[in-house]
């Protein structure tokens, strides 16, 4: 029997994640709990809830094709293509390291996201960066270049 995450079950039911969590806390939805304390919902329970909400919805739900998750457009403009160099998961979060040319980008995302994307070492992936902050840094110059640039800054100005 297939077990779904709360988020996946909410999507199938057409309700919000927080709504489904409230139903679980109220005892209206039967779940199993993982060793880490996360709720999982069986397909049969989803079917039961769908027939309660909308009689005849079970037939429509099973005939409906599974969502592919195919993105047709995205507003983020900063897209970096690379390949997955490493995937590590521990508890709720996971770390994904992408190799983009000679640079490495590390992202911390949820373990559920890693599983949904089915990320494995060697896979092609795209990092999409949406940020409100940009940091600027300068690299230390070699000792020879530092002496030249300090002479330029300290040069006496020519008399006009």
C-alpha atoms as a PDB file:
ATOM      1  CA  UNK A   1       0.000   0.000   0.000  1.00  0.00           C
ATOM      2  CA  UNK A   2       1.437   3.352  -1.059  1.00  0.00           C
ATOM      3  CA  UNK A   3       2.010   5.940   1.672  1.00  0.00           C
ATOM      4  CA  UNK A   4       1.958   9.636   0.759  1.00  0.00           C
ATOM      5  CA  UNK A   5       3.472  12.639   2.495  1.00  0.00           C
ATOM      6  CA  UNK A   6       1.011  15.157   3.905  1.00  0.00           C
ATOM      7  CA  UNK A   7       1.891  17.636   1.139  1.00  0.00           C
ATOM      8  CA  UNK A   8       1.322  15.058  -1.633  1.00  0.00           C
ATOM      9  CA  UNK A   9      -1.950  13.940  -0.033  1.00  0.00           C
ATOM     10  CA  UNK A  10      -3.138  17.554   0.251  1.00  0.00           C
ATOM     11  CA  UNK A  11      -2.414  18.058  -3.457  1.00  0.00           C
ATOM     12  CA  UNK A  12      -4.397  14.943  -4.374  1.00  0.00           C
ATOM     13  CA  UNK A  13      -7.304  16.021  -2.187  1.00  0.00           C
ATOM     14  CA  UNK A  14      -7.246  19.567  -3.505  1.00  0.00           C
ATOM     15  CA  UNK A  15      -6.904  21.111  -0.037  1.00  0.00           C
ATOM     16  CA  UNK A  16      -4.157  23.135   1.586  1.00  0.00           C
ATOM     17  CA  UNK A  17      -1.315  21.545   3.517  1.00  0.00           C
ATOM     18  CA  UNK A  18      -2.318  23.329   6.741  1.00  0.00           C
ATOM     19  CA  UNK A  19      -5.941  22.210   6.351  1.00  0.00           C
ATOM     20  CA  UNK A  20      -4.913  18.581   6.050  1.00  0.00           C
ATOM     21  CA  UNK A  21      -2.578  18.911   9.054  1.00  0.00           C
ATOM     22  CA  UNK A  22      -5.504  20.266  11.106  1.00  0.00           C
ATOM     23  CA  UNK A  23      -7.669  17.322  10.042  1.00  0.00           C
ATOM     24  CA  UNK A  24      -4.897  14.981  11.182  1.00  0.00           C
ATOM     25  CA  UNK A  25      -4.612  16.701  14.575  1.00  0.00           C
ATOM     26  CA  UNK A  26      -8.420  16.572  14.971  1.00  0.00           C
ATOM     27  CA  UNK A  27      -8.396  12.818  14.246  1.00  0.00           C
ATOM     28  CA  UNK A  28     -10.449  13.140  11.052  1.00  0.00           C
ATOM     29  CA  UNK A  29      -7.662  11.564   8.959  1.00  0.00           C
ATOM     30  CA  UNK A  30      -5.982   8.258   9.764  1.00  0.00           C
ATOM     31  CA  UNK A  31      -2.200   8.317   9.369  1.00  0.00           C
ATOM     32  CA  UNK A  32       0.836   6.293  10.203  1.00  0.00           C
ATOM     33  CA  UNK A  33       3.833   7.964  11.781  1.00  0.00           C
ATOM     34  CA  UNK A  34       7.407   7.437  10.656  1.00  0.00           C
ATOM     35  CA  UNK A  35      10.273   6.898  13.089  1.00  0.00           C
ATOM     36  CA  UNK A  36      11.065  10.610  12.679  1.00  0.00           C
ATOM     37  CA  UNK A  37       7.517  11.603  13.691  1.00  0.00           C
ATOM     38  CA  UNK A  38       6.254  12.505  10.198  1.00  0.00           C
ATOM     39  CA  UNK A  39       2.723  11.588   9.123  1.00  0.00           C
ATOM     40  CA  UNK A  40       2.098   9.360   6.114  1.00  0.00           C
ATOM     41  CA  UNK A  41      -1.319   8.805   4.582  1.00  0.00           C
ATOM     42  CA  UNK A  42      -2.357   5.630   2.759  1.00  0.00           C
ATOM     43  CA  UNK A  43      -3.984   5.693  -0.699  1.00  0.00           C
ATOM     44  CA  UNK A  44      -7.057   3.997   0.772  1.00  0.00           C
ATOM     45  CA  UNK A  45      -7.459   6.850   3.270  1.00  0.00           C
ATOM     46  CA  UNK A  46      -7.204   9.399   0.430  1.00  0.00           C
ATOM     47  CA  UNK A  47      -9.944   7.511  -1.449  1.00  0.00           C
ATOM     48  CA  UNK A  48     -12.115   7.454   1.686  1.00  0.00           C
ATOM     49  CA  UNK A  49     -11.714  11.196   2.146  1.00  0.00           C
ATOM     50  CA  UNK A  50     -12.433  11.927  -1.510  1.00  0.00           C
ATOM     51  CA  UNK A  51     -15.669   9.912  -1.508  1.00  0.00           C
ATOM     52  CA  UNK A  52     -16.752  11.694   1.680  1.00  0.00           C
ATOM     53  CA  UNK A  53     -16.070  15.110   0.140  1.00  0.00           C
ATOM     54  CA  UNK A  54     -17.529  14.376  -3.292  1.00  0.00           C
ATOM     55  CA  UNK A  55     -19.397  11.145  -3.986  1.00  0.00           C
ATOM     56  CA  UNK A  56     -18.153   9.819  -7.330  1.00  0.00           C
ATOM     57  CA  UNK A  57     -14.826  11.644  -6.949  1.00  0.00           C
ATOM     58  CA  UNK A  58     -12.978   8.350  -6.554  1.00  0.00           C
ATOM     59  CA  UNK A  59     -13.683   7.372 -10.151  1.00  0.00           C
ATOM     60  CA  UNK A  60     -12.495  10.768 -11.401  1.00  0.00           C
ATOM     61  CA  UNK A  61      -9.384  10.704  -9.201  1.00  0.00           C
ATOM     62  CA  UNK A  62      -8.230   7.304 -10.379  1.00  0.00           C
ATOM     63  CA  UNK A  63      -8.840   8.241 -14.034  1.00  0.00           C
ATOM     64  CA  UNK A  64      -6.873  11.462 -13.641  1.00  0.00           C
ATOM     65  CA  UNK A  65      -3.248  11.103 -14.799  1.00  0.00           C
ATOM     66  CA  UNK A  66      -0.556  11.688 -12.199  1.00  0.00           C
ATOM     67  CA  UNK A  67       0.975  15.164 -12.217  1.00  0.00           C
ATOM     68  CA  UNK A  68       4.268  15.188 -14.068  1.00  0.00           C
ATOM     69  CA  UNK A  69       5.687  18.243 -12.349  1.00  0.00           C
ATOM     70  CA  UNK A  70       6.857  19.567 -15.726  1.00  0.00           C
ATOM     71  CA  UNK A  71       7.702  23.263 -15.452  1.00  0.00           C
ATOM     72  CA  UNK A  72       6.731  25.213 -18.559  1.00  0.00           C
ATOM     73  CA  UNK A  73       7.754  28.664 -17.342  1.00  0.00           C
ATOM     74  CA  UNK A  74       9.483  30.150 -14.335  1.00  0.00           C
ATOM     75  CA  UNK A  75       9.997  33.747 -13.275  1.00  0.00           C
ATOM     76  CA  UNK A  76      13.499  33.203 -11.881  1.00  0.00           C
ATOM     77  CA  UNK A  77      16.156  34.465 -14.275  1.00  0.00           C
ATOM     78  CA  UNK A  78      19.301  33.266 -12.534  1.00  0.00           C
ATOM     79  CA  UNK A  79      19.521  29.670 -13.743  1.00  0.00           C
ATOM     80  CA  UNK A  80      22.746  27.731 -13.444  1.00  0.00           C
ATOM     81  CA  UNK A  81      23.001  24.351 -15.171  1.00  0.00           C
ATOM     82  CA  UNK A  82      25.270  21.701 -13.742  1.00  0.00           C
ATOM     83  CA  UNK A  83      25.381  18.156 -12.465  1.00  0.00           C
ATOM     84  CA  UNK A  84      24.780  16.726  -9.017  1.00  0.00           C
ATOM     85  CA  UNK A  85      28.118  16.070  -7.361  1.00  0.00           C
ATOM     86  CA  UNK A  86      26.791  14.946  -3.974  1.00  0.00           C
ATOM     87  CA  UNK A  87      23.466  14.390  -2.184  1.00  0.00           C
ATOM     88  CA  UNK A  88      23.306  14.022   1.599  1.00  0.00           C
ATOM     89  CA  UNK A  89      20.149  13.735   3.714  1.00  0.00           C
ATOM     90  CA  UNK A  90      19.806  13.827   7.470  1.00  0.00           C
ATOM     91  CA  UNK A  91      16.444  14.180   9.168  1.00  0.00           C
ATOM     92  CA  UNK A  92      14.182  16.804   7.647  1.00  0.00           C
ATOM     93  CA  UNK A  93      16.830  18.506   5.480  1.00  0.00           C
ATOM     94  CA  UNK A  94      19.272  17.485   2.821  1.00  0.00           C
ATOM     95  CA  UNK A  95      22.281  19.023   1.110  1.00  0.00           C
ATOM     96  CA  UNK A  96      22.751  18.987  -2.646  1.00  0.00           C
ATOM     97  CA  UNK A  97      26.070  20.008  -4.179  1.00  0.00           C
ATOM     98  CA  UNK A  98      26.041  20.987  -7.857  1.00  0.00           C
ATOM     99  CA  UNK A  99      29.133  21.272 -10.034  1.00  0.00           C
ATOM    100  CA  UNK A 100      28.708  24.203 -12.402  1.00  0.00           C
ATOM    101  CA  UNK A 101      31.793  24.496 -14.575  1.00  0.00           C
ATOM    102  CA  UNK A 102      34.729  24.837 -12.205  1.00  0.00           C
ATOM    103  CA  UNK A 103      32.488  26.173  -9.391  1.00  0.00           C
ATOM    104  CA  UNK A 104      30.476  24.344  -6.737  1.00  0.00           C
ATOM    105  CA  UNK A 105      27.061  25.446  -5.503  1.00  0.00           C
ATOM    106  CA  UNK A 106      25.575  23.951  -2.329  1.00  0.00           C
ATOM    107  CA  UNK A 107      21.848  24.092  -1.596  1.00  0.00           C
ATOM    108  CA  UNK A 108      20.045  22.988   1.547  1.00  0.00           C
ATOM    109  CA  UNK A 109      16.536  21.746   0.716  1.00  0.00           C
ATOM    110  CA  UNK A 110      13.999  19.463   2.378  1.00  0.00           C
ATOM    111  CA  UNK A 111      14.452  15.723   2.258  1.00  0.00           C
ATOM    112  CA  UNK A 112      10.984  15.478   0.658  1.00  0.00           C
ATOM    113  CA  UNK A 113      12.141  17.735  -2.193  1.00  0.00           C
ATOM    114  CA  UNK A 114      15.190  15.534  -2.777  1.00  0.00           C
ATOM    115  CA  UNK A 115      12.946  12.455  -2.933  1.00  0.00           C
ATOM    116  CA  UNK A 116      10.378  14.129  -5.219  1.00  0.00           C
ATOM    117  CA  UNK A 117      13.118  15.274  -7.597  1.00  0.00           C
ATOM    118  CA  UNK A 118      14.746  11.837  -7.324  1.00  0.00           C
ATOM    119  CA  UNK A 119      18.172  13.497  -7.170  1.00  0.00           C
ATOM    120  CA  UNK A 120      21.159  11.196  -7.537  1.00  0.00           C
ATOM    121  CA  UNK A 121      24.871  11.786  -8.002  1.00  0.00           C
ATOM    122  CA  UNK A 122      25.667  12.454 -11.662  1.00  0.00           C
ATOM    123  CA  UNK A 123      22.176  13.737 -12.570  1.00  0.00           C
ATOM    124  CA  UNK A 124      21.835  16.959 -14.546  1.00  0.00           C
ATOM    125  CA  UNK A 125      20.118  19.704 -12.560  1.00  0.00           C
ATOM    126  CA  UNK A 126      19.400  23.429 -12.653  1.00  0.00           C
ATOM    127  CA  UNK A 127      19.933  25.772  -9.718  1.00  0.00           C
ATOM    128  CA  UNK A 128      17.432  28.616  -9.789  1.00  0.00           C
ATOM    129  CA  UNK A 129      18.507  31.509  -7.613  1.00  0.00           C
ATOM    130  CA  UNK A 130      15.982  33.968  -6.244  1.00  0.00           C
ATOM    131  CA  UNK A 131      17.567  36.322  -3.791  1.00  0.00           C
ATOM    132  CA  UNK A 132      17.033  39.757  -2.328  1.00  0.00           C
ATOM    133  CA  UNK A 133      20.626  40.077  -1.175  1.00  0.00           C
ATOM    134  CA  UNK A 134      23.901  40.015  -3.055  1.00  0.00           C
ATOM    135  CA  UNK A 135      27.273  39.998  -1.323  1.00  0.00           C
ATOM    136  CA  UNK A 136      30.412  41.366  -2.962  1.00  0.00           C
ATOM    137  CA  UNK A 137      33.909  40.253  -2.038  1.00  0.00           C
ATOM    138  CA  UNK A 138      37.441  41.039  -3.149  1.00  0.00           C
ATOM    139  CA  UNK A 139      40.158  38.491  -3.390  1.00  0.00           C
ATOM    140  CA  UNK A 140      43.509  39.239  -1.806  1.00  0.00           C
ATOM    141  CA  UNK A 141      46.036  40.278  -4.419  1.00  0.00           C
ATOM    142  CA  UNK A 142      49.459  38.708  -4.624  1.00  0.00           C
ATOM    143  CA  UNK A 143      52.229  40.668  -2.767  1.00  0.00           C
ATOM    144  CA  UNK A 144      53.690  41.994  -6.050  1.00  0.00           C
ATOM    145  CA  UNK A 145      50.349  43.363  -7.258  1.00  0.00           C
ATOM    146  CA  UNK A 146      49.595  44.883  -3.850  1.00  0.00           C
ATOM    147  CA  UNK A 147      52.818  46.920  -3.952  1.00  0.00           C
ATOM    148  CA  UNK A 148      52.046  48.196  -7.471  1.00  0.00           C
ATOM    149  CA  UNK A 149      48.466  49.175  -6.665  1.00  0.00           C
ATOM    150  CA  UNK A 150      49.465  50.907  -3.398  1.00  0.00           C
ATOM    151  CA  UNK A 151      52.086  52.958  -5.293  1.00  0.00           C
ATOM    152  CA  UNK A 152      49.377  54.014  -7.740  1.00  0.00           C
ATOM    153  CA  UNK A 153      47.084  55.137  -4.932  1.00  0.00           C
ATOM    154  CA  UNK A 154      49.856  56.995  -3.077  1.00  0.00           C
ATOM    155  CA  UNK A 155      51.341  58.732  -6.121  1.00  0.00           C
ATOM    156  CA  UNK A 156      51.651  62.511  -5.696  1.00  0.00           C
ATOM    157  CA  UNK A 157      49.319  64.425  -7.965  1.00  0.00           C
ATOM    158  CA  UNK A 158      50.924  66.383 -10.770  1.00  0.00           C
ATOM    159  CA  UNK A 159      50.838  70.166 -10.349  1.00  0.00           C
ATOM    160  CA  UNK A 160      48.573  71.869 -12.809  1.00  0.00           C
END
